[in-house]
N, C-alpha and C. Protein backbone atom coordinates (compact mmCIF):
# COMPACT_ATOMS: atom_id res chain seq x y z
N MET A 1 28.32 25.07 -9.30
CA MET A 1 28.54 26.61 -9.67
C MET A 1 28.09 27.52 -8.65
N ASP A 2 28.91 28.19 -8.39
CA ASP A 2 28.64 29.46 -7.70
C ASP A 2 27.76 30.54 -8.11
N GLY A 3 27.62 31.42 -7.44
CA GLY A 3 26.74 32.29 -7.97
C GLY A 3 27.27 33.35 -8.80
N GLN A 4 28.63 33.46 -8.69
CA GLN A 4 29.40 34.22 -9.61
C GLN A 4 29.69 33.51 -10.90
N GLU A 5 29.94 32.48 -10.89
CA GLU A 5 30.24 31.64 -12.23
C GLU A 5 28.82 31.36 -12.73
N LEU A 6 27.73 31.32 -12.14
CA LEU A 6 26.20 31.23 -12.77
C LEU A 6 26.44 32.56 -13.68
N GLN A 7 26.51 33.98 -13.06
CA GLN A 7 26.37 35.26 -13.56
C GLN A 7 27.28 35.27 -14.93
N LYS A 8 28.15 34.43 -14.74
CA LYS A 8 29.67 34.62 -15.64
C LYS A 8 28.81 33.84 -17.17
N VAL A 9 28.32 32.56 -17.04
CA VAL A 9 27.85 31.81 -17.84
C VAL A 9 26.70 32.15 -18.62
N ALA A 10 26.06 32.92 -17.75
CA ALA A 10 24.88 33.82 -18.23
C ALA A 10 24.75 34.85 -18.94
N ASN A 11 26.00 35.93 -18.65
CA ASN A 11 26.22 36.88 -19.21
C ASN A 11 26.81 36.32 -20.60
N GLU A 12 27.74 35.62 -20.57
CA GLU A 12 28.77 35.29 -21.88
C GLU A 12 27.67 34.77 -22.97
N TYR A 13 26.39 33.81 -22.45
CA TYR A 13 25.83 33.01 -23.24
C TYR A 13 24.65 34.05 -23.84
N ALA A 14 24.09 34.90 -22.89
CA ALA A 14 22.97 36.13 -23.22
C ALA A 14 23.69 36.92 -24.37
N THR A 15 24.55 37.52 -23.98
CA THR A 15 25.60 38.55 -25.19
C THR A 15 25.75 38.03 -26.29
N GLY A 16 25.55 36.75 -26.55
CA GLY A 16 25.83 36.14 -27.98
C GLY A 16 24.62 35.76 -28.44
N LEU A 17 23.65 36.02 -28.24
CA LEU A 17 22.29 35.80 -28.69
C LEU A 17 21.96 37.16 -29.56
N PRO A 18 20.95 36.71 -30.59
CA PRO A 18 20.95 38.05 -31.71
C PRO A 18 20.42 39.15 -31.07
N ASP A 19 20.99 40.36 -31.29
CA ASP A 19 19.89 41.89 -31.19
C ASP A 19 20.12 42.10 -29.44
N VAL A 20 20.69 41.14 -28.88
CA VAL A 20 20.40 41.66 -27.53
C VAL A 20 21.54 42.91 -26.75
N THR A 21 21.03 43.72 -26.03
CA THR A 21 21.48 45.04 -25.48
C THR A 21 21.66 44.53 -24.18
N PHE A 22 22.48 45.21 -23.44
CA PHE A 22 22.71 45.36 -22.08
C PHE A 22 22.51 46.80 -21.39
N GLU A 23 21.97 46.54 -20.31
CA GLU A 23 22.21 47.93 -19.47
C GLU A 23 22.72 47.71 -17.93
N HIS A 24 23.12 48.70 -17.36
CA HIS A 24 23.14 48.43 -16.25
C HIS A 24 23.19 49.66 -15.34
N ARG A 25 22.50 49.40 -14.05
CA ARG A 25 21.42 50.16 -13.43
C ARG A 25 22.26 50.18 -12.39
N VAL A 26 21.97 51.60 -11.34
CA VAL A 26 22.71 51.40 -10.26
C VAL A 26 21.72 52.24 -9.13
N GLY A 27 21.79 51.77 -8.28
CA GLY A 27 20.75 52.15 -6.80
C GLY A 27 19.69 52.07 -7.36
N PRO A 28 19.17 50.47 -6.99
CA PRO A 28 20.27 49.30 -6.86
C PRO A 28 20.98 48.91 -8.02
N ASN A 29 22.09 48.06 -7.55
CA ASN A 29 22.64 47.45 -8.68
C ASN A 29 21.93 46.44 -9.79
N TRP A 30 21.59 46.89 -10.49
CA TRP A 30 20.96 45.40 -11.71
C TRP A 30 21.65 45.63 -13.24
N GLU A 31 21.93 44.53 -13.73
CA GLU A 31 22.03 44.58 -15.27
C GLU A 31 21.22 43.72 -16.09
N LEU A 32 20.55 44.32 -16.82
CA LEU A 32 19.35 44.10 -17.44
C LEU A 32 19.87 43.82 -19.37
N TYR A 33 19.51 42.55 -19.61
CA TYR A 33 19.26 42.29 -21.11
C TYR A 33 18.25 42.45 -21.61
N LYS A 34 18.23 42.99 -22.69
CA LYS A 34 16.93 43.23 -23.84
C LYS A 34 17.26 42.64 -24.75
N VAL A 35 16.20 42.33 -25.64
CA VAL A 35 15.94 41.99 -27.13
C VAL A 35 14.87 42.76 -27.54
N GLY A 36 14.65 43.42 -28.36
CA GLY A 36 13.59 43.89 -28.99
C GLY A 36 13.19 45.17 -28.22
N GLY A 37 13.84 45.67 -27.26
CA GLY A 37 13.51 46.67 -26.16
C GLY A 37 12.87 45.71 -24.89
N LYS A 38 12.70 44.55 -25.02
CA LYS A 38 12.16 44.08 -23.82
C LYS A 38 12.97 43.45 -22.68
N VAL A 39 12.80 43.25 -21.46
CA VAL A 39 13.75 42.59 -20.78
C VAL A 39 13.73 41.13 -20.89
N PHE A 40 14.79 40.30 -21.07
CA PHE A 40 14.36 38.71 -20.51
C PHE A 40 15.29 38.38 -19.52
N MET A 41 16.23 38.89 -19.07
CA MET A 41 17.16 38.65 -18.30
C MET A 41 17.58 39.85 -17.23
N LEU A 42 17.88 39.61 -16.07
CA LEU A 42 18.26 40.35 -15.02
C LEU A 42 19.32 39.75 -14.40
N MET A 43 20.12 40.60 -13.73
CA MET A 43 21.21 40.03 -12.83
C MET A 43 21.39 40.82 -11.70
N THR A 44 21.61 40.65 -10.44
CA THR A 44 21.80 41.39 -9.15
C THR A 44 22.47 40.83 -8.21
N ASP A 45 22.66 41.06 -7.12
CA ASP A 45 23.14 40.66 -6.16
C ASP A 45 22.15 40.70 -4.72
N LEU A 46 21.69 39.75 -4.50
CA LEU A 46 20.80 39.97 -3.11
C LEU A 46 21.84 39.54 -1.98
N PRO A 47 21.44 39.88 -0.93
CA PRO A 47 22.06 39.93 0.35
C PRO A 47 22.87 38.77 0.42
N GLY A 48 24.00 38.67 -0.09
CA GLY A 48 24.63 37.26 0.19
C GLY A 48 25.19 36.32 -0.86
N HIS A 49 24.26 36.57 -1.79
CA HIS A 49 24.47 35.88 -3.14
C HIS A 49 24.04 36.71 -4.71
N PRO A 50 24.49 35.94 -5.50
CA PRO A 50 24.02 37.00 -6.96
C PRO A 50 23.27 35.87 -7.46
N VAL A 51 22.50 36.58 -8.34
CA VAL A 51 21.25 35.91 -8.77
C VAL A 51 21.02 36.41 -10.35
N VAL A 52 20.32 35.52 -10.87
CA VAL A 52 19.97 35.97 -12.16
C VAL A 52 18.62 35.35 -12.22
N ILE A 53 18.15 36.26 -13.18
CA ILE A 53 16.52 36.41 -12.85
C ILE A 53 15.98 36.46 -14.46
N LEU A 54 15.39 35.31 -14.71
CA LEU A 54 14.68 34.83 -16.36
C LEU A 54 13.37 34.73 -16.33
N LYS A 55 12.84 35.02 -17.48
CA LYS A 55 11.37 34.98 -17.86
C LYS A 55 11.38 33.17 -17.96
N ALA A 56 10.12 32.95 -17.65
CA ALA A 56 9.77 31.13 -17.84
C ALA A 56 8.22 31.32 -17.93
N ASP A 57 7.98 30.11 -18.70
CA ASP A 57 6.88 29.46 -19.22
C ASP A 57 6.23 29.18 -17.57
N PRO A 58 5.01 29.71 -16.85
CA PRO A 58 4.41 29.52 -16.01
C PRO A 58 4.40 28.05 -15.86
N ASP A 59 4.04 26.78 -16.48
CA ASP A 59 3.82 25.52 -16.15
C ASP A 59 5.56 25.19 -15.80
N GLU A 60 6.09 25.28 -16.62
CA GLU A 60 7.54 25.02 -16.63
C GLU A 60 8.37 25.64 -15.51
N ALA A 61 8.15 26.89 -14.95
CA ALA A 61 8.61 27.65 -13.75
C ALA A 61 8.03 26.53 -12.36
N VAL A 62 6.82 26.15 -12.58
CA VAL A 62 6.58 25.38 -11.10
C VAL A 62 7.67 23.85 -11.39
N GLY A 63 7.60 23.61 -12.25
CA GLY A 63 8.40 22.65 -12.30
C GLY A 63 9.96 22.77 -11.91
N LEU A 64 10.53 23.65 -12.30
CA LEU A 64 11.84 23.95 -12.21
C LEU A 64 12.01 24.44 -10.54
N ARG A 65 11.08 24.96 -10.24
CA ARG A 65 11.04 25.37 -8.75
C ARG A 65 11.19 24.34 -7.61
N GLU A 66 10.05 23.31 -8.24
CA GLU A 66 9.89 21.97 -7.38
C GLU A 66 11.59 20.91 -7.57
N ARG A 67 12.11 21.00 -8.83
CA ARG A 67 13.24 20.12 -8.99
C ARG A 67 14.64 20.58 -8.56
N TYR A 68 14.91 22.01 -8.49
CA TYR A 68 15.91 22.63 -8.24
C TYR A 68 15.73 23.46 -7.09
N ALA A 69 16.44 23.55 -5.90
CA ALA A 69 16.10 24.14 -4.79
C ALA A 69 17.29 25.58 -5.14
N GLU A 70 17.89 25.73 -6.01
CA GLU A 70 18.45 26.88 -6.31
C GLU A 70 17.61 28.13 -7.02
N ILE A 71 16.59 27.55 -7.67
CA ILE A 71 15.69 28.13 -8.42
C ILE A 71 14.37 28.52 -7.61
N THR A 72 14.03 29.84 -7.39
CA THR A 72 12.80 30.16 -6.85
C THR A 72 12.18 31.17 -7.71
N ALA A 73 10.93 31.52 -7.24
CA ALA A 73 10.07 32.73 -7.86
C ALA A 73 10.96 33.68 -8.35
N GLY A 74 10.61 34.50 -9.31
CA GLY A 74 11.45 35.82 -9.50
C GLY A 74 11.61 36.99 -8.57
N TYR A 75 13.00 37.35 -8.35
CA TYR A 75 12.97 38.22 -7.03
C TYR A 75 12.54 39.63 -8.08
N HIS A 76 11.73 40.28 -7.01
CA HIS A 76 10.86 41.57 -7.55
C HIS A 76 10.56 41.79 -8.92
N MET A 77 10.00 40.43 -9.60
CA MET A 77 9.25 40.12 -10.47
C MET A 77 7.97 39.65 -10.38
N ASP A 78 7.13 39.44 -11.32
CA ASP A 78 5.82 38.41 -11.42
C ASP A 78 6.08 37.29 -11.08
N LYS A 79 5.96 36.79 -9.92
CA LYS A 79 6.50 35.35 -9.44
C LYS A 79 5.60 34.02 -10.50
N LYS A 80 4.68 34.54 -11.34
CA LYS A 80 4.35 33.58 -12.09
C LYS A 80 4.98 33.32 -13.54
N HIS A 81 5.82 34.30 -13.98
CA HIS A 81 6.48 34.51 -14.88
C HIS A 81 7.82 34.42 -14.71
N TRP A 82 8.31 34.80 -13.61
CA TRP A 82 9.74 34.82 -13.72
C TRP A 82 10.60 34.00 -12.36
N ILE A 83 11.52 33.48 -13.15
CA ILE A 83 12.17 32.55 -12.06
C ILE A 83 13.49 33.29 -11.40
N ALA A 84 14.34 33.17 -10.61
CA ALA A 84 15.73 33.38 -10.11
C ALA A 84 16.24 32.27 -9.80
N ALA A 85 17.36 32.26 -10.11
CA ALA A 85 18.29 31.41 -10.09
C ALA A 85 19.52 31.64 -9.27
N ALA A 86 19.81 31.24 -8.32
CA ALA A 86 21.32 31.46 -7.45
C ALA A 86 22.13 29.99 -7.63
N GLY A 87 23.48 30.04 -7.30
CA GLY A 87 24.61 29.32 -7.45
C GLY A 87 23.99 28.38 -6.57
N GLY A 88 24.38 26.82 -6.94
CA GLY A 88 24.42 25.73 -6.13
C GLY A 88 24.89 24.20 -7.17
N SER A 89 24.81 23.43 -6.12
CA SER A 89 25.27 22.10 -6.83
C SER A 89 24.69 21.82 -7.88
N SER A 90 23.06 21.76 -7.95
CA SER A 90 22.41 21.26 -8.89
C SER A 90 22.53 21.82 -10.44
N LEU A 91 22.98 23.09 -10.31
CA LEU A 91 23.01 23.95 -11.86
C LEU A 91 24.31 23.91 -12.32
N ASP A 92 24.18 23.34 -13.78
CA ASP A 92 25.36 23.40 -14.73
C ASP A 92 25.08 24.15 -15.82
N GLU A 93 26.46 24.20 -16.59
CA GLU A 93 26.38 25.31 -17.56
C GLU A 93 25.07 25.08 -18.56
N ASN A 94 24.91 23.76 -19.09
CA ASN A 94 23.98 23.47 -19.65
C ASN A 94 22.39 24.03 -19.36
N LEU A 95 22.28 23.78 -18.39
CA LEU A 95 20.91 24.05 -17.73
C LEU A 95 20.77 25.57 -17.73
N VAL A 96 21.87 26.46 -17.31
CA VAL A 96 21.86 27.91 -17.55
C VAL A 96 21.48 28.34 -19.01
N ARG A 97 22.35 27.75 -19.58
CA ARG A 97 22.19 28.24 -21.50
C ARG A 97 20.84 27.92 -21.54
N GLU A 98 20.27 26.99 -21.09
CA GLU A 98 18.95 26.22 -21.53
C GLU A 98 17.83 27.59 -21.06
N LEU A 99 17.90 27.70 -19.93
CA LEU A 99 17.34 28.84 -19.03
C LEU A 99 17.10 30.12 -19.80
N VAL A 100 18.43 30.63 -20.07
CA VAL A 100 18.47 31.82 -20.59
C VAL A 100 17.96 31.94 -22.33
N THR A 101 17.97 30.65 -22.88
CA THR A 101 17.63 30.63 -23.99
C THR A 101 15.78 30.59 -23.97
N ASP A 102 15.40 29.86 -23.39
CA ASP A 102 14.17 29.67 -23.04
C ASP A 102 13.51 31.20 -22.81
N SER A 103 14.17 32.00 -21.93
CA SER A 103 13.68 33.36 -21.47
C SER A 103 13.67 34.28 -22.89
N TYR A 104 14.68 33.95 -23.45
CA TYR A 104 14.77 35.20 -24.60
C TYR A 104 13.70 34.50 -25.77
N ARG A 105 13.81 33.48 -25.95
CA ARG A 105 12.88 32.88 -26.95
C ARG A 105 11.23 33.60 -26.58
N LEU A 106 10.89 33.44 -25.32
CA LEU A 106 9.61 34.18 -24.66
C LEU A 106 9.53 35.41 -25.27
N VAL A 107 10.27 36.23 -24.77
CA VAL A 107 10.41 37.53 -25.32
C VAL A 107 10.18 37.54 -26.68
N VAL A 108 11.29 36.98 -27.60
CA VAL A 108 11.15 37.32 -28.97
C VAL A 108 9.86 37.05 -29.57
N ASP A 109 9.16 35.56 -28.72
CA ASP A 109 8.02 35.29 -29.52
C ASP A 109 6.73 36.33 -29.22
N LYS A 110 6.99 37.38 -28.37
CA LYS A 110 5.74 38.18 -28.32
C LYS A 110 6.07 39.53 -29.10
N LEU A 111 7.35 39.76 -29.69
CA LEU A 111 7.69 41.16 -30.26
C LEU A 111 6.95 40.82 -32.00
N PRO A 112 6.59 42.26 -32.00
CA PRO A 112 5.89 42.10 -33.46
C PRO A 112 6.92 41.54 -34.46
N LYS A 113 6.42 41.19 -35.48
CA LYS A 113 7.34 40.42 -36.39
C LYS A 113 8.16 41.02 -36.91
N SER A 114 8.27 42.83 -37.01
CA SER A 114 8.97 43.45 -37.56
C SER A 114 10.55 43.77 -36.76
N ARG A 115 10.10 43.59 -35.05
CA ARG A 115 11.17 43.64 -34.27
C ARG A 115 11.67 42.68 -34.04
N ARG A 116 11.74 41.26 -34.58
CA ARG A 116 12.18 39.76 -34.45
C ARG A 116 13.34 39.78 -34.89
N PRO A 117 14.25 39.39 -34.13
CA PRO A 117 16.07 39.26 -34.42
C PRO A 117 15.63 37.91 -35.23
N VAL A 118 16.97 37.52 -36.09
CA VAL A 118 17.09 36.19 -36.70
C VAL A 118 16.79 35.10 -35.38
N ASP A 119 16.31 33.98 -35.84
CA ASP A 119 16.09 32.74 -34.65
C ASP A 119 17.32 32.46 -34.19
N PRO A 120 17.58 32.18 -32.74
CA PRO A 120 18.74 32.19 -32.25
C PRO A 120 19.32 30.67 -32.46
N GLY A 121 18.64 29.97 -33.39
CA GLY A 121 18.74 28.41 -33.68
C GLY A 121 18.12 27.53 -32.81
N PRO A 122 19.22 26.09 -32.92
CA PRO A 122 18.62 25.13 -32.12
C PRO A 122 18.88 25.41 -30.75
N ASP A 123 18.28 24.77 -29.85
CA ASP A 123 18.34 24.89 -28.38
C ASP A 123 19.69 24.31 -28.08
N PRO A 124 20.75 24.71 -27.36
CA PRO A 124 22.13 24.31 -27.57
C PRO A 124 22.11 22.82 -26.84
N VAL A 125 21.14 22.48 -25.57
CA VAL A 125 21.24 21.46 -25.28
C VAL A 125 20.16 20.26 -25.57
N ALA A 126 19.81 20.68 -26.49
CA ALA A 126 18.99 19.29 -27.19
C ALA A 126 19.23 18.46 -27.77
């Protein structure tokens, strides 16, 4: 999956989750995806390649970076809690959806109960 396809899949899946809002910022060019006013996913184009930046459990983030060459520490974010995914042969749609879901849930779980949307349902790749 190339970087543009990665961003397309991530965008389509993220915007289908409950109570997600989208914000486009210029200078630099960023797309922000929020739930309850908190960012759970960002997209931008690094020099030469589009990336998707997602929140991740710190222990799982280490494993993802070790397993997938396309997943690195989060660009321009806290390197412990965020990952960046670029296009590459080892990423597929199911993994991208799983990463987006995990990021979304990590943010939702930290929201006050009064601001939490309906549970997004079972993990789509479980």
